Amino acid sequence: MDDHLRSTRVLSGDKKSPDTAIDRANWYAIRTRSRCEWKVSELLRRAGVEEFLPAWTESVRWSDRAKKTLRPLFPGYVFARFSRFAGCSGILALPAVVQILGTDELASICDDEIANLRRVAALPVSPCPYVAAGEIVTITSGPLIGVSGVVVRNKGALRLIVSVEMLGQACAVEIDAVDVETSTK
C-alpha cells in the first residue's frame, strides 16, 4: 500500500474517539497544484474521505474538430469533509496538495454552501465572476428548491449565482423568475 494512502486512513476521524464531539468533520477547501484537482479528488476518495469536485462541461473548438471537456468548476480546488485534528496532516501529505484553506473552526465552509453547490452542479452550470452584492433569493420550485444565491440578469436571462465566499469564486445556472422568492438572510 502507498505510504500516503496508509497515512490517510484516519482522515475521516475515529468514530470511537472521545474527541469526536469536539472535533466534528467540516468542509474545507483544499488547494491543489495546477491541473491536479482530479488526482487529489481520487486520492481523497481512496483514503475514505468525503470529497467533492464540482465540474462543468466546456465545448472546445479546434480548427479540425470540436470536443466537450469536463473541467473543474473552481480550478485549483477540491472540497473535502474531515476532522481538522485527525485529517490535516494526512491530507497535506498527499501528492499535489498545496494547502488546506482555513483550518480553524471559523474558516470551514458551511454545509449549506456545499449543499447548494452540489445541487447546482448537477445541472448545466458554468463558472462566472464572483458577485458579493445583489439581491439574495431562494428557489421555491423545480430541481433547485431551497437553494439560495444571488440573482443577476445576463443577456435577458436570469441566472442564480452560488458563491463560495472563502474561495472568492462562484458558478451560475439559469433559472426562471417564477421559481424564486426574495430571501431574508
Protein backbone atom coordinates (compact mmCIF):
# COMPACT_ATOMS: atom_id res chain seq x y z
CA MET A 1 0.00 0.00 0.00
CA ASP A 2 1.24 3.50 -0.77
CA ASP A 3 2.60 5.43 2.21
CA HIS A 4 0.38 8.42 1.54
CA LEU A 5 -2.73 6.20 1.47
CA ARG A 6 -1.70 4.45 4.69
CA SER A 7 -1.26 7.80 6.43
CA THR A 8 -4.70 8.95 5.28
CA ARG A 9 -6.74 6.03 6.61
CA VAL A 10 -7.50 8.16 9.68
CA LEU A 11 -8.57 11.21 7.68
CA SER A 12 -12.26 10.83 8.25
CA GLY A 13 -11.77 10.72 12.02
CA ASP A 14 -12.08 7.90 14.51
CA LYS A 15 -15.77 7.48 15.35
CA LYS A 16 -14.91 5.92 18.72
CA SER A 17 -12.63 8.75 19.83
CA PRO A 18 -13.83 10.82 22.80
CA ASP A 19 -12.78 13.96 20.91
CA THR A 20 -15.31 13.28 18.12
CA ALA A 21 -17.94 15.58 19.64
CA ILE A 22 -15.42 18.42 19.89
CA ASP A 23 -13.67 17.69 16.59
CA ARG A 24 -16.53 17.07 14.19
CA ALA A 25 -15.97 16.81 10.45
CA ASN A 26 -16.36 20.05 8.49
CA TRP A 27 -15.94 21.00 4.86
CA TYR A 28 -12.66 22.60 3.83
CA ALA A 29 -11.25 23.81 0.52
CA ILE A 30 -8.02 22.09 -0.47
CA ARG A 31 -5.76 23.98 -2.86
CA THR A 32 -4.06 21.70 -5.36
CA ARG A 33 -1.17 22.02 -7.75
CA SER A 34 -2.16 23.27 -11.18
CA ARG A 35 -4.34 20.77 -13.07
CA CYS A 36 -4.20 18.18 -10.26
CA GLU A 37 -7.79 18.50 -8.99
CA TRP A 38 -8.88 15.12 -10.39
CA LYS A 39 -5.82 13.37 -8.94
CA VAL A 40 -6.35 14.83 -5.45
CA SER A 41 -10.06 14.01 -5.60
CA GLU A 42 -9.26 10.38 -6.43
CA LEU A 43 -6.63 10.12 -3.66
CA LEU A 44 -9.08 11.51 -1.11
CA ARG A 45 -11.79 9.08 -2.28
CA ARG A 46 -9.39 6.12 -1.98
CA ALA A 47 -8.45 7.26 1.52
CA GLY A 48 -12.11 7.21 2.57
CA VAL A 49 -12.50 10.98 2.81
CA GLU A 50 -15.75 12.54 1.63
CA GLU A 51 -14.73 14.81 -1.25
CA PHE A 52 -16.50 16.99 -3.76
CA LEU A 53 -15.09 18.26 -7.04
CA PRO A 54 -17.76 20.25 -8.90
CA ALA A 55 -17.23 20.25 -12.65
CA TRP A 56 -18.71 21.76 -15.79
CA THR A 57 -18.66 20.79 -19.44
CA GLU A 58 -16.93 23.15 -21.82
CA SER A 59 -17.20 22.95 -25.59
CA VAL A 60 -13.71 23.33 -27.00
CA ARG A 61 -13.27 24.04 -30.70
CA TRP A 62 -10.07 23.35 -32.59
CA SER A 63 -9.52 24.00 -36.29
CA ASP A 64 -10.26 20.37 -37.19
CA ARG A 65 -12.82 19.30 -34.56
CA ALA A 66 -14.99 20.19 -31.59
CA LYS A 67 -14.92 18.37 -28.28
CA LYS A 68 -16.70 18.58 -24.92
CA THR A 69 -14.29 18.65 -21.99
CA LEU A 70 -15.06 18.19 -18.30
CA ARG A 71 -13.31 20.91 -16.28
CA PRO A 72 -13.24 21.74 -12.56
CA LEU A 73 -15.72 24.49 -11.71
CA PHE A 74 -13.18 26.02 -9.31
CA PRO A 75 -9.74 25.41 -10.83
CA GLY A 76 -7.12 24.55 -8.24
CA TYR A 77 -9.56 23.50 -5.50
CA VAL A 78 -11.21 20.33 -4.19
CA PHE A 79 -13.62 20.27 -1.26
CA ALA A 80 -13.29 17.64 1.47
CA ARG A 81 -15.07 16.89 4.74
CA PHE A 82 -12.78 15.81 7.54
CA SER A 83 -11.93 16.37 11.17
CA ARG A 84 -9.34 19.14 11.39
CA PHE A 85 -7.30 17.40 14.12
CA ALA A 86 -7.36 13.90 12.65
CA GLY A 87 -7.21 14.82 8.97
CA CYS A 88 -4.98 17.80 8.24
CA SER A 89 -1.57 16.13 8.42
CA GLY A 90 -2.65 13.15 6.29
CA ILE A 91 -4.22 15.35 3.64
CA LEU A 92 -1.23 17.68 3.50
CA ALA A 93 0.97 14.60 2.91
CA LEU A 94 -0.92 13.71 -0.28
CA PRO A 95 0.92 14.42 -3.52
CA ALA A 96 -0.34 17.54 -5.35
CA VAL A 97 -1.94 19.08 -2.24
CA VAL A 98 -0.61 22.60 -1.68
CA GLN A 99 -2.59 23.72 1.38
CA ILE A 100 -5.86 23.46 3.25
CA LEU A 101 -7.64 26.80 3.39
CA GLY A 102 -8.94 27.88 6.78
CA THR A 103 -8.03 25.02 9.07
CA ASP A 104 -9.76 26.54 12.09
CA GLU A 105 -13.42 26.05 13.01
CA LEU A 106 -14.44 29.55 11.92
CA ALA A 107 -12.94 29.18 8.45
CA SER A 108 -14.58 25.90 7.49
CA ILE A 109 -17.12 26.02 4.66
CA CYS A 110 -20.75 25.96 5.72
CA ASP A 111 -22.62 22.70 4.99
CA ASP A 112 -25.36 24.77 3.29
CA GLU A 113 -22.86 26.27 0.82
CA ILE A 114 -21.68 22.78 -0.20
CA ALA A 115 -25.29 21.51 -0.39
CA ASN A 116 -26.23 24.45 -2.66
CA LEU A 117 -23.16 23.83 -4.78
CA ARG A 118 -23.94 20.10 -5.13
CA ARG A 119 -27.48 20.81 -6.31
CA VAL A 120 -26.41 23.48 -8.79
CA ALA A 121 -23.50 21.38 -10.13
CA ALA A 122 -25.97 18.63 -11.06
CA LEU A 123 -27.40 20.97 -13.74
CA PRO A 124 -25.72 22.62 -16.73
CA VAL A 125 -23.54 25.12 -14.90
CA SER A 126 -20.65 27.40 -15.80
CA PRO A 127 -18.10 29.46 -13.91
CA CYS A 128 -18.82 33.15 -13.50
CA PRO A 129 -17.28 36.16 -11.79
CA TYR A 130 -17.73 36.29 -8.03
CA VAL A 131 -20.60 38.58 -7.01
CA ALA A 132 -20.53 39.90 -3.46
CA ALA A 133 -23.58 42.15 -3.57
CA GLY A 134 -27.02 41.75 -5.11
CA GLU A 135 -30.46 40.50 -4.29
CA ILE A 136 -30.38 37.19 -2.46
CA VAL A 137 -33.15 34.82 -3.48
CA THR A 138 -34.27 31.29 -2.63
CA ILE A 139 -35.59 28.90 -5.27
CA THR A 140 -39.18 27.87 -4.45
CA SER A 141 -39.85 25.19 -7.06
CA GLY A 142 -38.13 22.91 -9.54
CA PRO A 143 -34.96 20.86 -9.13
CA LEU A 144 -33.20 23.59 -7.12
CA ILE A 145 -35.91 24.11 -4.49
CA GLY A 146 -34.38 25.53 -1.32
CA VAL A 147 -31.11 26.67 -2.94
CA SER A 148 -30.13 30.27 -2.11
CA GLY A 149 -27.91 32.62 -4.07
CA VAL A 150 -27.60 35.99 -5.75
CA VAL A 151 -29.72 36.62 -8.82
CA VAL A 152 -28.43 38.58 -11.82
CA ARG A 153 -29.77 39.30 -15.27
CA ASN A 154 -27.44 38.35 -18.12
CA LYS A 155 -28.44 38.82 -21.78
CA GLY A 156 -32.13 38.77 -20.88
CA ALA A 157 -31.91 35.58 -18.80
CA LEU A 158 -31.98 35.28 -15.03
CA ARG A 159 -29.04 33.45 -13.52
CA LEU A 160 -28.59 32.25 -9.95
CA ILE A 161 -25.05 32.73 -8.69
CA VAL A 162 -23.92 30.35 -5.98
CA SER A 163 -20.75 31.58 -4.30
CA VAL A 164 -18.07 30.04 -2.14
CA GLU A 165 -17.00 33.09 -0.15
CA MET A 166 -13.76 31.57 1.14
CA LEU A 167 -12.51 30.99 -2.41
CA GLY A 168 -13.88 34.23 -3.81
CA GLN A 169 -15.33 32.19 -6.69
CA ALA A 170 -18.81 31.40 -7.93
CA CYS A 171 -20.82 29.49 -10.51
CA ALA A 172 -24.06 30.36 -12.26
CA VAL A 173 -27.10 28.48 -13.51
CA GLU A 174 -30.09 29.77 -15.47
CA ILE A 175 -33.34 29.99 -13.54
CA ASP A 176 -36.94 31.01 -14.18
CA ALA A 177 -38.23 34.14 -12.45
CA VAL A 178 -41.38 32.38 -11.24
CA ASP A 179 -39.24 29.92 -9.23
CA VAL A 180 -37.67 32.48 -6.88
CA GLU A 181 -38.56 34.48 -3.80
CA THR A 182 -36.50 37.10 -2.01
CA SER A 183 -34.58 35.69 0.96
CA THR A 184 -34.43 37.26 4.37
CA LYS A 185 -30.85 36.28 5.29
